[in-house]
Amino acid sequence: MVKELIERYQSYSDMELMNIYNNKQGYTEDAKKALDIVIEEKGGIKSLQQRHQNFIEAEEAKENLKNDIIKLNSENLSKDEILTRVASNNLSNTQQMEIFNRTFQQIEDEEKDTEIRSKTIVDSIIGGLIGGTTGGILWALQLIYSAHIFYIFGFGLVVLSYGAIKLFTKQSKNNLVVFSMTILSVIYALILGFYLYDLIGYRGYNRLN
């Protein structure tokens, strides 16, 4: 059992080992023994704690650098200006450039996502009609066959409408047009569903009588 635990712990990261060490009172004696062996193999507990602390400080530095970049970008500074104004003593130049490029890619993706173009409007309408029509038919069918309103299906209408609109626009609910059209599509689905229910249900009643 100890041997199996040793093999398992040897594949763990420093963060995972440190988490187990900090909570080892809840583990079995075999697990504690295996943990001590693996920690010694990795240089001892002091070395593990130092690496763990270095990791935490590096992650905090990355997050702070990212926030600084976002803040300076909101002040309409150019990329070159931002690059000259941000720095971190806890990160290498390579790490800083990776965060810089990744953050700006995220900013650009968010700007594209929230941008309202004529294509956004047209594709939202198309997706809303398709999602709303499909949802309306399904809403009518659940009314016809169950004669009850299951409100959980209302959530399904939201998912269906939003999914169809997102499929066509390639933009998320963070976009005002996508968000607004999703609401309109769900309302359209409800109205269509009740209309079809009244229409089909009334005819079915007449056939039975």
Protein backbone atom coordinates (compact mmCIF):
# COMPACT_ATOMS: atom_id res chain seq x y z
CA MET A 1 0.00 0.00 0.00
CA VAL A 2 2.80 2.42 0.92
CA LYS A 3 4.65 1.63 -2.32
CA GLU A 4 1.54 2.38 -4.38
CA LEU A 5 1.04 5.69 -2.55
CA ILE A 6 4.69 6.63 -3.10
CA GLU A 7 4.33 6.03 -6.84
CA ARG A 8 1.16 8.14 -6.86
CA TYR A 9 2.65 11.02 -4.86
CA GLN A 10 5.77 11.06 -7.04
CA SER A 11 3.60 12.23 -9.93
CA TYR A 12 2.08 15.08 -7.88
CA SER A 13 3.07 18.71 -8.28
CA ASP A 14 4.59 20.73 -5.44
CA MET A 15 1.23 22.45 -4.95
CA GLU A 16 -0.57 19.11 -4.59
CA LEU A 17 2.04 17.72 -2.21
CA MET A 18 1.93 20.88 -0.11
CA ASN A 19 -1.85 20.68 0.08
CA ILE A 20 -1.66 17.09 1.31
CA TYR A 21 1.06 17.99 3.80
CA ASN A 22 -1.02 20.81 5.24
CA ASN A 23 -3.98 18.47 5.69
CA LYS A 24 -2.16 15.22 6.46
CA GLN A 25 -3.92 14.83 9.83
CA GLY A 26 -6.88 13.55 7.84
CA TYR A 27 -4.82 10.88 6.05
CA THR A 28 -3.91 7.33 7.05
CA GLU A 29 -0.55 6.41 8.56
CA ASP A 30 0.47 4.72 5.29
CA ALA A 31 -0.35 7.89 3.38
CA LYS A 32 1.66 10.02 5.82
CA LYS A 33 4.63 7.68 5.56
CA ALA A 34 4.50 7.69 1.75
CA LEU A 35 4.21 11.49 1.75
CA ASP A 36 7.26 11.91 4.00
CA ILE A 37 9.31 9.63 1.73
CA VAL A 38 8.36 11.53 -1.43
CA ILE A 39 8.98 14.92 0.19
CA GLU A 40 12.46 13.80 1.25
CA GLU A 41 13.12 12.62 -2.32
CA LYS A 42 12.23 16.12 -3.51
CA GLY A 43 14.66 17.85 -1.14
CA GLY A 44 12.78 17.90 2.15
CA ILE A 45 9.92 19.91 3.55
CA LYS A 46 11.80 23.23 3.72
CA SER A 47 12.71 22.98 0.05
CA LEU A 48 9.12 22.10 -0.83
CA GLN A 49 7.76 25.00 1.21
CA GLN A 50 10.16 27.42 -0.47
CA ARG A 51 9.20 26.23 -3.95
CA HIS A 52 5.55 26.47 -2.96
CA GLN A 53 6.02 30.02 -1.70
CA ASN A 54 7.91 30.99 -4.87
CA PHE A 55 5.08 29.59 -6.95
CA ILE A 56 2.45 31.58 -5.03
CA GLU A 57 4.47 34.78 -5.36
CA ALA A 58 4.93 34.20 -9.09
CA GLU A 59 1.20 33.63 -9.59
CA GLU A 60 0.39 36.79 -7.66
CA ALA A 61 2.91 38.72 -9.75
CA LYS A 62 1.33 37.41 -12.94
CA GLU A 63 -2.14 38.44 -11.79
CA ASN A 64 -0.91 41.89 -10.74
CA LEU A 65 0.85 42.38 -14.07
CA LYS A 66 -2.27 41.36 -15.95
CA ASN A 67 -4.40 43.80 -13.95
CA ASP A 68 -1.88 46.61 -14.58
CA ILE A 69 -2.03 45.97 -18.33
CA ILE A 70 -5.83 45.99 -18.34
CA LYS A 71 -5.91 49.20 -16.30
CA LEU A 72 -3.44 51.03 -18.56
CA ASN A 73 -5.27 49.80 -21.65
CA SER A 74 -8.49 51.32 -20.29
CA GLU A 75 -6.63 54.65 -20.24
CA ASN A 76 -6.23 54.36 -24.04
CA LEU A 77 -2.46 53.93 -23.95
CA SER A 78 -0.78 52.18 -26.86
CA LYS A 79 0.77 48.74 -26.52
CA ASP A 80 4.28 50.21 -26.67
CA GLU A 81 3.45 52.73 -23.95
CA ILE A 82 1.98 50.04 -21.73
CA LEU A 83 4.98 47.78 -22.30
CA THR A 84 7.35 50.48 -21.06
CA ARG A 85 5.28 51.13 -17.94
CA VAL A 86 4.66 47.61 -16.66
CA ALA A 87 7.26 45.41 -15.03
CA SER A 88 7.61 42.74 -12.36
CA ASN A 89 10.72 41.90 -10.39
CA ASN A 90 9.35 38.40 -9.68
CA LEU A 91 8.99 37.44 -13.34
CA SER A 92 11.48 36.94 -16.14
CA ASN A 93 11.30 39.01 -19.32
CA THR A 94 9.98 35.97 -21.17
CA GLN A 95 7.20 35.44 -18.63
CA GLN A 96 6.29 39.13 -18.75
CA MET A 97 6.04 39.10 -22.54
CA GLU A 98 3.89 35.95 -22.44
CA ILE A 99 1.47 37.62 -20.02
CA PHE A 100 1.55 40.84 -22.04
CA ASN A 101 0.66 39.06 -25.30
CA ARG A 102 -1.91 36.77 -23.66
CA THR A 103 -3.63 39.67 -21.90
CA PHE A 104 -3.86 41.73 -25.06
CA GLN A 105 -5.24 38.74 -26.92
CA GLN A 106 -7.90 38.44 -24.23
CA ILE A 107 -8.69 42.16 -24.48
CA GLU A 108 -9.02 41.93 -28.26
CA ASP A 109 -11.25 38.86 -28.01
CA GLU A 110 -13.51 40.65 -25.52
CA GLU A 111 -13.70 43.73 -27.76
CA LYS A 112 -14.67 41.57 -30.74
CA ASP A 113 -17.23 39.77 -28.62
CA THR A 114 -18.95 42.97 -27.49
CA GLU A 115 -18.61 44.82 -30.80
CA ILE A 116 -21.94 45.54 -32.49
CA ARG A 117 -21.77 45.21 -36.26
CA SER A 118 -24.48 45.00 -38.89
CA LYS A 119 -23.62 41.30 -39.19
CA THR A 120 -24.21 40.90 -35.46
CA ILE A 121 -27.74 42.29 -35.83
CA VAL A 122 -28.61 40.23 -38.91
CA ASP A 123 -27.19 36.98 -37.55
CA SER A 124 -28.88 37.58 -34.18
CA ILE A 125 -32.23 37.95 -35.91
CA ILE A 126 -31.70 34.78 -37.95
CA GLY A 127 -30.53 32.80 -34.93
CA GLY A 128 -33.31 34.23 -32.78
CA LEU A 129 -35.98 33.23 -35.31
CA ILE A 130 -34.61 29.72 -35.71
CA GLY A 131 -34.11 29.18 -31.97
CA GLY A 132 -37.43 30.83 -31.10
CA THR A 133 -39.39 28.87 -33.70
CA THR A 134 -37.84 25.57 -32.61
CA GLY A 135 -38.45 26.44 -28.98
CA GLY A 136 -42.02 27.53 -29.68
CA ILE A 137 -42.83 24.22 -31.35
CA LEU A 138 -41.33 22.27 -28.47
CA TRP A 139 -43.18 24.46 -25.96
CA ALA A 140 -46.46 23.78 -27.75
CA LEU A 141 -45.79 20.03 -27.84
CA GLN A 142 -45.13 19.83 -24.10
CA LEU A 143 -48.39 21.72 -23.48
CA ILE A 144 -50.35 19.49 -25.84
CA TYR A 145 -49.03 16.20 -24.51
CA SER A 146 -48.85 17.08 -20.83
CA ALA A 147 -51.52 19.78 -20.49
CA HIS A 148 -49.22 21.39 -17.94
CA ILE A 149 -46.61 24.11 -17.94
CA PHE A 150 -43.24 22.84 -16.77
CA TYR A 151 -41.22 25.93 -16.05
CA ILE A 152 -37.95 24.06 -16.38
CA PHE A 153 -38.71 24.00 -20.11
CA GLY A 154 -38.62 27.78 -19.94
CA PHE A 155 -34.94 27.54 -19.07
CA GLY A 156 -34.58 25.23 -22.05
CA LEU A 157 -36.04 27.95 -24.28
CA VAL A 158 -33.37 30.37 -23.06
CA VAL A 159 -30.61 27.85 -23.76
CA LEU A 160 -32.03 27.03 -27.19
CA SER A 161 -32.47 30.65 -28.26
CA TYR A 162 -29.10 31.75 -26.92
CA GLY A 163 -27.37 28.73 -28.44
CA ALA A 164 -28.81 29.44 -31.88
CA ILE A 165 -27.92 33.13 -31.74
CA LYS A 166 -24.40 32.42 -30.51
CA LEU A 167 -23.96 29.82 -33.25
CA PHE A 168 -24.74 32.39 -35.94
CA THR A 169 -23.04 35.44 -34.43
CA LYS A 170 -20.04 33.73 -32.80
CA GLN A 171 -20.55 36.26 -30.00
CA SER A 172 -21.67 35.75 -26.40
CA LYS A 173 -24.29 37.17 -24.07
CA ASN A 174 -21.82 39.93 -23.18
CA ASN A 175 -22.83 41.50 -26.48
CA LEU A 176 -25.84 43.78 -25.99
CA VAL A 177 -27.50 42.72 -29.25
CA VAL A 178 -27.05 39.00 -28.51
CA PHE A 179 -28.41 39.44 -24.99
CA SER A 180 -31.41 41.51 -26.12
CA MET A 181 -32.22 39.22 -29.03
CA THR A 182 -32.10 36.18 -26.75
CA ILE A 183 -34.80 37.73 -24.58
CA LEU A 184 -36.92 38.61 -27.63
CA SER A 185 -36.42 35.12 -29.05
CA VAL A 186 -37.64 33.51 -25.83
CA ILE A 187 -40.70 35.79 -25.74
CA TYR A 188 -41.39 34.91 -29.39
CA ALA A 189 -41.04 31.18 -28.55
CA LEU A 190 -43.55 31.48 -25.70
CA ILE A 191 -46.06 33.39 -27.80
CA LEU A 192 -45.67 30.96 -30.70
CA GLY A 193 -45.94 27.98 -28.38
CA PHE A 194 -49.18 29.15 -26.78
CA TYR A 195 -50.59 30.09 -30.18
CA LEU A 196 -49.83 26.64 -31.62
CA TYR A 197 -51.22 25.00 -28.50
CA ASP A 198 -54.48 26.94 -28.79
CA LEU A 199 -54.68 26.27 -32.53
CA ILE A 200 -53.84 22.56 -32.50
CA GLY A 201 -55.54 21.89 -29.19
CA TYR A 202 -58.79 23.51 -30.39
CA ARG A 203 -58.82 21.49 -33.60
CA GLY A 204 -58.08 18.29 -31.70
CA TYR A 205 -60.97 19.04 -29.37
CA ASN A 206 -63.36 19.54 -32.33
CA ARG A 207 -62.29 16.25 -33.89
CA LEU A 208 -63.01 14.41 -30.68
CA ASN A 209 -66.45 16.00 -30.45
